[in-house]
Amino acid sequence: MTAIRVLICWVYTNTRSVLASQLLHISSTSSLVVFSPARINAAQEVVWYALYAFTLWLIVAIVYKTYGKTLTRAAS
């Protein structure tokens, strides 16, 4: 998913920490496993992933609105 990649890159760009980027990736993947409903059909799974994608894109929009096109903090 593109949105999670944008967020991972944003975390790395602002922290220069591979560990922080990996932890974001791990938390994203594990949240899909932990919070996904059990015993769902294909249509419900599509809705689940669409909701997850929408949430990620909403976070990307908030980061974009806060940090601008460069997605980096202002230089000190």
PDB file of N, CA and C in Angstrom:
ATOM      1  N   MET A   1       0.839  -1.172   0.000  1.00  0.00           N
ATOM      2  CA  MET A   1       0.000   0.000   0.000  1.00  0.00           C
ATOM      3  C   MET A   1       0.888   1.241   0.000  1.00  0.00           C
ATOM      4  N   THR A   2       0.558   2.139  -0.851  1.00  0.00           N
ATOM      5  CA  THR A   2       1.368   3.346  -1.012  1.00  0.00           C
ATOM      6  C   THR A   2       1.361   4.207   0.239  1.00  0.00           C
ATOM      7  N   ALA A   3       0.235   4.321   0.899  1.00  0.00           N
ATOM      8  CA  ALA A   3       0.136   5.211   2.062  1.00  0.00           C
ATOM      9  C   ALA A   3       1.104   4.805   3.170  1.00  0.00           C
ATOM     10  N   ILE A   4       1.200   3.528   3.454  1.00  0.00           N
ATOM     11  CA  ILE A   4       2.114   3.100   4.521  1.00  0.00           C
ATOM     12  C   ILE A   4       3.564   3.349   4.108  1.00  0.00           C
ATOM     13  N   ARG A   5       3.860   3.226   2.831  1.00  0.00           N
ATOM     14  CA  ARG A   5       5.228   3.516   2.367  1.00  0.00           C
ATOM     15  C   ARG A   5       5.558   4.990   2.546  1.00  0.00           C
ATOM     16  N   VAL A   6       4.591   5.859   2.270  1.00  0.00           N
ATOM     17  CA  VAL A   6       4.801   7.294   2.481  1.00  0.00           C
ATOM     18  C   VAL A   6       5.082   7.564   3.954  1.00  0.00           C
ATOM     19  N   LEU A   7       4.311   6.935   4.824  1.00  0.00           N
ATOM     20  CA  LEU A   7       4.512   7.145   6.260  1.00  0.00           C
ATOM     21  C   LEU A   7       5.852   6.593   6.738  1.00  0.00           C
ATOM     22  N   ILE A   8       6.231   5.432   6.237  1.00  0.00           N
ATOM     23  CA  ILE A   8       7.527   4.863   6.614  1.00  0.00           C
ATOM     24  C   ILE A   8       8.660   5.782   6.165  1.00  0.00           C
ATOM     25  N   CYS A   9       8.573   6.279   4.947  1.00  0.00           N
ATOM     26  CA  CYS A   9       9.601   7.208   4.450  1.00  0.00           C
ATOM     27  C   CYS A   9       9.610   8.498   5.258  1.00  0.00           C
ATOM     28  N   TRP A  10       8.425   8.972   5.622  1.00  0.00           N
ATOM     29  CA  TRP A  10       8.337  10.186   6.431  1.00  0.00           C
ATOM     30  C   TRP A  10       9.010   9.975   7.785  1.00  0.00           C
ATOM     31  N   VAL A  11       8.758   8.842   8.420  1.00  0.00           N
ATOM     32  CA  VAL A  11       9.389   8.544   9.705  1.00  0.00           C
ATOM     33  C   VAL A  11      10.898   8.484   9.543  1.00  0.00           C
ATOM     34  N   TYR A  12      11.372   7.798   8.509  1.00  0.00           N
ATOM     35  CA  TYR A  12      12.823   7.692   8.309  1.00  0.00           C
ATOM     36  C   TYR A  12      13.443   9.065   8.024  1.00  0.00           C
ATOM     37  N   THR A  13      12.809   9.852   7.188  1.00  0.00           N
ATOM     38  CA  THR A  13      13.334  11.169   6.827  1.00  0.00           C
ATOM     39  C   THR A  13      13.465  12.066   8.045  1.00  0.00           C
ATOM     40  N   ASN A  14      12.515  11.975   8.950  1.00  0.00           N
ATOM     41  CA  ASN A  14      12.517  12.858  10.107  1.00  0.00           C
ATOM     42  C   ASN A  14      13.268  12.312  11.308  1.00  0.00           C
ATOM     43  N   THR A  15      13.537  11.013  11.334  1.00  0.00           N
ATOM     44  CA  THR A  15      14.242  10.454  12.479  1.00  0.00           C
ATOM     45  C   THR A  15      15.609   9.888  12.114  1.00  0.00           C
ATOM     46  N   ARG A  16      15.814   9.582  10.826  1.00  0.00           N
ATOM     47  CA  ARG A  16      17.025   8.906  10.341  1.00  0.00           C
ATOM     48  C   ARG A  16      17.226   7.577  11.069  1.00  0.00           C
ATOM     49  N   SER A  17      16.126   6.980  11.502  1.00  0.00           N
ATOM     50  CA  SER A  17      16.186   5.734  12.253  1.00  0.00           C
ATOM     51  C   SER A  17      15.530   4.607  11.453  1.00  0.00           C
ATOM     52  N   VAL A  18      16.344   3.635  11.076  1.00  0.00           N
ATOM     53  CA  VAL A  18      15.808   2.453  10.403  1.00  0.00           C
ATOM     54  C   VAL A  18      14.934   1.677  11.379  1.00  0.00           C
ATOM     55  N   LEU A  19      15.333   1.656  12.647  1.00  0.00           N
ATOM     56  CA  LEU A  19      14.556   0.950  13.655  1.00  0.00           C
ATOM     57  C   LEU A  19      13.144   1.528  13.767  1.00  0.00           C
ATOM     58  N   ALA A  20      13.024   2.842  13.830  1.00  0.00           N
ATOM     59  CA  ALA A  20      11.702   3.470  13.919  1.00  0.00           C
ATOM     60  C   ALA A  20      10.868   3.137  12.687  1.00  0.00           C
ATOM     61  N   SER A  21      11.491   3.139  11.524  1.00  0.00           N
ATOM     62  CA  SER A  21      10.787   2.793  10.289  1.00  0.00           C
ATOM     63  C   SER A  21      10.331   1.343  10.313  1.00  0.00           C
ATOM     64  N   GLN A  22      11.192   0.461  10.779  1.00  0.00           N
ATOM     65  CA  GLN A  22      10.831  -0.957  10.875  1.00  0.00           C
ATOM     66  C   GLN A  22       9.720  -1.181  11.897  1.00  0.00           C
ATOM     67  N   LEU A  23       9.766  -0.470  13.003  1.00  0.00           N
ATOM     68  CA  LEU A  23       8.709  -0.600  14.005  1.00  0.00           C
ATOM     69  C   LEU A  23       7.360  -0.138  13.457  1.00  0.00           C
ATOM     70  N   LEU A  24       7.362   0.906  12.636  1.00  0.00           N
ATOM     71  CA  LEU A  24       6.125   1.344  11.994  1.00  0.00           C
ATOM     72  C   LEU A  24       5.601   0.256  11.057  1.00  0.00           C
ATOM     73  N   HIS A  25       6.491  -0.326  10.282  1.00  0.00           N
ATOM     74  CA  HIS A  25       6.098  -1.398   9.367  1.00  0.00           C
ATOM     75  C   HIS A  25       5.543  -2.594  10.138  1.00  0.00           C
ATOM     76  N   ILE A  26       6.224  -2.981  11.209  1.00  0.00           N
ATOM     77  CA  ILE A  26       5.775  -4.110  12.030  1.00  0.00           C
ATOM     78  C   ILE A  26       4.415  -3.822  12.655  1.00  0.00           C
ATOM     79  N   SER A  27       4.237  -2.618  13.171  1.00  0.00           N
ATOM     80  CA  SER A  27       2.960  -2.290  13.802  1.00  0.00           C
ATOM     81  C   SER A  27       1.829  -2.256  12.789  1.00  0.00           C
ATOM     82  N   SER A  28       2.123  -1.824  11.569  1.00  0.00           N
ATOM     83  CA  SER A  28       1.113  -1.824  10.511  1.00  0.00           C
ATOM     84  C   SER A  28       0.697  -3.244  10.157  1.00  0.00           C
ATOM     85  N   THR A  29       1.675  -4.094   9.939  1.00  0.00           N
ATOM     86  CA  THR A  29       1.383  -5.481   9.573  1.00  0.00           C
ATOM     87  C   THR A  29       0.680  -6.213  10.710  1.00  0.00           C
ATOM     88  N   SER A  30       1.154  -6.034  11.927  1.00  0.00           N
ATOM     89  CA  SER A  30       0.542  -6.740  13.050  1.00  0.00           C
ATOM     90  C   SER A  30      -0.862  -6.232  13.349  1.00  0.00           C
ATOM     91  N   SER A  31      -1.120  -4.954  13.131  1.00  0.00           N
ATOM     92  CA  SER A  31      -2.474  -4.444  13.367  1.00  0.00           C
ATOM     93  C   SER A  31      -3.470  -5.055  12.384  1.00  0.00           C
ATOM     94  N   LEU A  32      -3.013  -5.311  11.162  1.00  0.00           N
ATOM     95  CA  LEU A  32      -3.895  -5.985  10.204  1.00  0.00           C
ATOM     96  C   LEU A  32      -4.251  -7.387  10.678  1.00  0.00           C
ATOM     97  N   VAL A  33      -3.305  -8.069  11.275  1.00  0.00           N
ATOM     98  CA  VAL A  33      -3.533  -9.431  11.765  1.00  0.00           C
ATOM     99  C   VAL A  33      -4.386  -9.415  13.029  1.00  0.00           C
ATOM    100  N   VAL A  34      -4.032  -8.568  13.975  1.00  0.00           N
ATOM    101  CA  VAL A  34      -4.703  -8.561  15.270  1.00  0.00           C
ATOM    102  C   VAL A  34      -6.132  -8.020  15.181  1.00  0.00           C
ATOM    103  N   PHE A  35      -6.326  -6.951  14.440  1.00  0.00           N
ATOM    104  CA  PHE A  35      -7.634  -6.301  14.416  1.00  0.00           C
ATOM    105  C   PHE A  35      -8.561  -6.783  13.309  1.00  0.00           C
ATOM    106  N   SER A  36      -8.070  -7.594  12.398  1.00  0.00           N
ATOM    107  CA  SER A  36      -8.951  -8.058  11.321  1.00  0.00           C
ATOM    108  C   SER A  36      -9.977  -9.029  11.891  1.00  0.00           C
ATOM    109  N   PRO A  37     -11.211  -8.892  11.448  1.00  0.00           N
ATOM    110  CA  PRO A  37     -12.258  -9.778  11.954  1.00  0.00           C
ATOM    111  C   PRO A  37     -12.047 -11.213  11.477  1.00  0.00           C
ATOM    112  N   ALA A  38     -12.455 -12.138  12.296  1.00  0.00           N
ATOM    113  CA  ALA A  38     -12.342 -13.561  11.941  1.00  0.00           C
ATOM    114  C   ALA A  38     -13.573 -13.984  11.136  1.00  0.00           C
ATOM    115  N   ARG A  39     -13.385 -14.984  10.311  1.00  0.00           N
ATOM    116  CA  ARG A  39     -14.478 -15.588   9.541  1.00  0.00           C
ATOM    117  C   ARG A  39     -15.285 -14.563   8.750  1.00  0.00           C
ATOM    118  N   ILE A  40     -14.631 -13.941   7.820  1.00  0.00           N
ATOM    119  CA  ILE A  40     -15.324 -12.994   6.956  1.00  0.00           C
ATOM    120  C   ILE A  40     -15.274 -13.494   5.524  1.00  0.00           C
ATOM    121  N   ASN A  41     -16.228 -13.040   4.734  1.00  0.00           N
ATOM    122  CA  ASN A  41     -16.229 -13.441   3.328  1.00  0.00           C
ATOM    123  C   ASN A  41     -15.391 -12.451   2.519  1.00  0.00           C
ATOM    124  N   ALA A  42     -15.273 -12.703   1.241  1.00  0.00           N
ATOM    125  CA  ALA A  42     -14.408 -11.885   0.377  1.00  0.00           C
ATOM    126  C   ALA A  42     -14.862 -10.435   0.326  1.00  0.00           C
ATOM    127  N   ALA A  43     -16.156 -10.202   0.257  1.00  0.00           N
ATOM    128  CA  ALA A  43     -16.664  -8.827   0.184  1.00  0.00           C
ATOM    129  C   ALA A  43     -16.354  -8.063   1.478  1.00  0.00           C
ATOM    130  N   GLN A  44     -16.496  -8.724   2.616  1.00  0.00           N
ATOM    131  CA  GLN A  44     -16.184  -8.083   3.885  1.00  0.00           C
ATOM    132  C   GLN A  44     -14.693  -7.795   4.011  1.00  0.00           C
ATOM    133  N   GLU A  45     -13.876  -8.673   3.464  1.00  0.00           N
ATOM    134  CA  GLU A  45     -12.432  -8.450   3.491  1.00  0.00           C
ATOM    135  C   GLU A  45     -12.047  -7.229   2.664  1.00  0.00           C
ATOM    136  N   VAL A  46     -12.704  -7.042   1.539  1.00  0.00           N
ATOM    137  CA  VAL A  46     -12.459  -5.861   0.708  1.00  0.00           C
ATOM    138  C   VAL A  46     -12.819  -4.603   1.480  1.00  0.00           C
ATOM    139  N   VAL A  47     -13.939  -4.626   2.176  1.00  0.00           N
ATOM    140  CA  VAL A  47     -14.347  -3.471   2.978  1.00  0.00           C
ATOM    141  C   VAL A  47     -13.323  -3.204   4.083  1.00  0.00           C
ATOM    142  N   TRP A  48     -12.839  -4.263   4.728  1.00  0.00           N
ATOM    143  CA  TRP A  48     -11.842  -4.127   5.796  1.00  0.00           C
ATOM    144  C   TRP A  48     -10.576  -3.451   5.274  1.00  0.00           C
ATOM    145  N   TYR A  49     -10.061  -3.925   4.158  1.00  0.00           N
ATOM    146  CA  TYR A  49      -8.835  -3.342   3.603  1.00  0.00           C
ATOM    147  C   TYR A  49      -9.070  -1.927   3.080  1.00  0.00           C
ATOM    148  N   ALA A  50     -10.251  -1.657   2.571  1.00  0.00           N
ATOM    149  CA  ALA A  50     -10.572  -0.298   2.118  1.00  0.00           C
ATOM    150  C   ALA A  50     -10.607   0.659   3.308  1.00  0.00           C
ATOM    151  N   LEU A  51     -11.167   0.223   4.408  1.00  0.00           N
ATOM    152  CA  LEU A  51     -11.194   1.050   5.614  1.00  0.00           C
ATOM    153  C   LEU A  51      -9.779   1.298   6.135  1.00  0.00           C
ATOM    154  N   TYR A  52      -8.959   0.269   6.122  1.00  0.00           N
ATOM    155  CA  TYR A  52      -7.567   0.400   6.550  1.00  0.00           C
ATOM    156  C   TYR A  52      -6.814   1.384   5.640  1.00  0.00           C
ATOM    157  N   ALA A  53      -7.003   1.243   4.336  1.00  0.00           N
ATOM    158  CA  ALA A  53      -6.347   2.144   3.379  1.00  0.00           C
ATOM    159  C   ALA A  53      -6.828   3.577   3.573  1.00  0.00           C
ATOM    160  N   PHE A  54      -8.128   3.764   3.767  1.00  0.00           N
ATOM    161  CA  PHE A  54      -8.668   5.099   3.994  1.00  0.00           C
ATOM    162  C   PHE A  54      -8.035   5.732   5.236  1.00  0.00           C
ATOM    163  N   THR A  55      -7.915   4.957   6.299  1.00  0.00           N
ATOM    164  CA  THR A  55      -7.305   5.455   7.534  1.00  0.00           C
ATOM    165  C   THR A  55      -5.855   5.877   7.306  1.00  0.00           C
ATOM    166  N   LEU A  56      -5.107   5.053   6.578  1.00  0.00           N
ATOM    167  CA  LEU A  56      -3.709   5.402   6.292  1.00  0.00           C
ATOM    168  C   LEU A  56      -3.610   6.667   5.450  1.00  0.00           C
ATOM    169  N   TRP A  57      -4.466   6.791   4.431  1.00  0.00           N
ATOM    170  CA  TRP A  57      -4.442   7.992   3.591  1.00  0.00           C
ATOM    171  C   TRP A  57      -4.863   9.227   4.380  1.00  0.00           C
ATOM    172  N   LEU A  58      -5.752   9.055   5.349  1.00  0.00           N
ATOM    173  CA  LEU A  58      -6.128  10.170   6.211  1.00  0.00           C
ATOM    174  C   LEU A  58      -4.927  10.628   7.032  1.00  0.00           C
ATOM    175  N   ILE A  59      -4.166   9.691   7.547  1.00  0.00           N
ATOM    176  CA  ILE A  59      -2.947  10.029   8.301  1.00  0.00           C
ATOM    177  C   ILE A  59      -1.937  10.728   7.387  1.00  0.00           C
ATOM    178  N   VAL A  60      -1.772  10.231   6.163  1.00  0.00           N
ATOM    179  CA  VAL A  60      -0.870  10.878   5.204  1.00  0.00           C
ATOM    180  C   VAL A  60      -1.332  12.313   4.943  1.00  0.00           C
ATOM    181  N   ALA A  61      -2.633  12.519   4.800  1.00  0.00           N
ATOM    182  CA  ALA A  61      -3.160  13.870   4.556  1.00  0.00           C
ATOM    183  C   ALA A  61      -2.869  14.792   5.736  1.00  0.00           C
ATOM    184  N   ILE A  62      -2.995  14.276   6.941  1.00  0.00           N
ATOM    185  CA  ILE A  62      -2.702  15.083   8.133  1.00  0.00           C
ATOM    186  C   ILE A  62      -1.215  15.440   8.181  1.00  0.00           C
ATOM    187  N   VAL A  63      -0.367  14.481   7.886  1.00  0.00           N
ATOM    188  CA  VAL A  63       1.081  14.745   7.856  1.00  0.00           C
ATOM    189  C   VAL A  63       1.404  15.763   6.770  1.00  0.00           C
ATOM    190  N   TYR A  64       0.809  15.615   5.609  1.00  0.00           N
ATOM    191  CA  TYR A  64       1.037  16.548   4.502  1.00  0.00           C
ATOM    192  C   TYR A  64       0.595  17.953   4.882  1.00  0.00           C
ATOM    193  N   LYS A  65      -0.576  18.057   5.493  1.00  0.00           N
ATOM    194  CA  LYS A  65      -1.097  19.366   5.888  1.00  0.00           C
ATOM    195  C   LYS A  65      -0.200  20.000   6.949  1.00  0.00           C
ATOM    196  N   THR A  66       0.348  19.190   7.832  1.00  0.00           N
ATOM    197  CA  THR A  66       1.196  19.692   8.903  1.00  0.00           C
ATOM    198  C   THR A  66       2.597  20.060   8.422  1.00  0.00           C
ATOM    199  N   TYR A  67       3.199  19.214   7.574  1.00  0.00           N
ATOM    200  CA  TYR A  67       4.603  19.390   7.198  1.00  0.00           C
ATOM    201  C   TYR A  67       4.820  19.932   5.789  1.00  0.00           C
ATOM    202  N   GLY A  68       3.802  19.937   4.948  1.00  0.00           N
ATOM    203  CA  GLY A  68       3.952  20.448   3.593  1.00  0.00           C
ATOM    204  C   GLY A  68       4.505  19.413   2.635  1.00  0.00           C
ATOM    205  N   LYS A  69       4.844  19.851   1.429  1.00  0.00           N
ATOM    206  CA  LYS A  69       5.278  18.935   0.369  1.00  0.00           C
ATOM    207  C   LYS A  69       6.541  18.176   0.694  1.00  0.00           C
ATOM    208  N   THR A  70       7.442  18.777   1.443  1.00  0.00           N
ATOM    209  CA  THR A  70       8.711  18.105   1.727  1.00  0.00           C
ATOM    210  C   THR A  70       8.571  17.027   2.787  1.00  0.00           C
ATOM    211  N   LEU A  71       7.490  17.087   3.561  1.00  0.00           N
ATOM    212  CA  LEU A  71       7.241  16.133   4.642  1.00  0.00           C
ATOM    213  C   LEU A  71       8.359  16.107   5.674  1.00  0.00           C
ATOM    214  N   THR A  72       9.121  17.183   5.749  1.00  0.00           N
ATOM    215  CA  THR A  72      10.192  17.239   6.743  1.00  0.00           C
ATOM    216  C   THR A  72       9.948  18.400   7.683  1.00  0.00           C
ATOM    217  N   ARG A  73      10.519  18.286   8.864  1.00  0.00           N
ATOM    218  CA  ARG A  73      10.420  19.384   9.821  1.00  0.00           C
ATOM    219  C   ARG A  73      11.253  20.545   9.331  1.00  0.00           C
ATOM    220  N   ALA A  74      10.872  21.719   9.757  1.00  0.00           N
ATOM    221  CA  ALA A  74      11.643  22.918   9.405  1.00  0.00           C
ATOM    222  C   ALA A  74      13.019  22.821  10.045  1.00  0.00           C
ATOM    223  N   ALA A  75      14.035  23.298   9.333  1.00  0.00           N
ATOM    224  CA  ALA A  75      15.409  23.266   9.854  1.00  0.00           C
ATOM    225  C   ALA A  75      15.512  24.182  11.057  1.00  0.00           C
ATOM    226  N   SER A  76      16.258  23.753  12.052  1.00  0.00           N
ATOM    227  CA  SER A  76      16.420  24.553  13.282  1.00  0.00           C
ATOM    228  C   SER A  76      17.501  25.570  13.128  1.00  0.00           C
TER     229      SER A  76
END
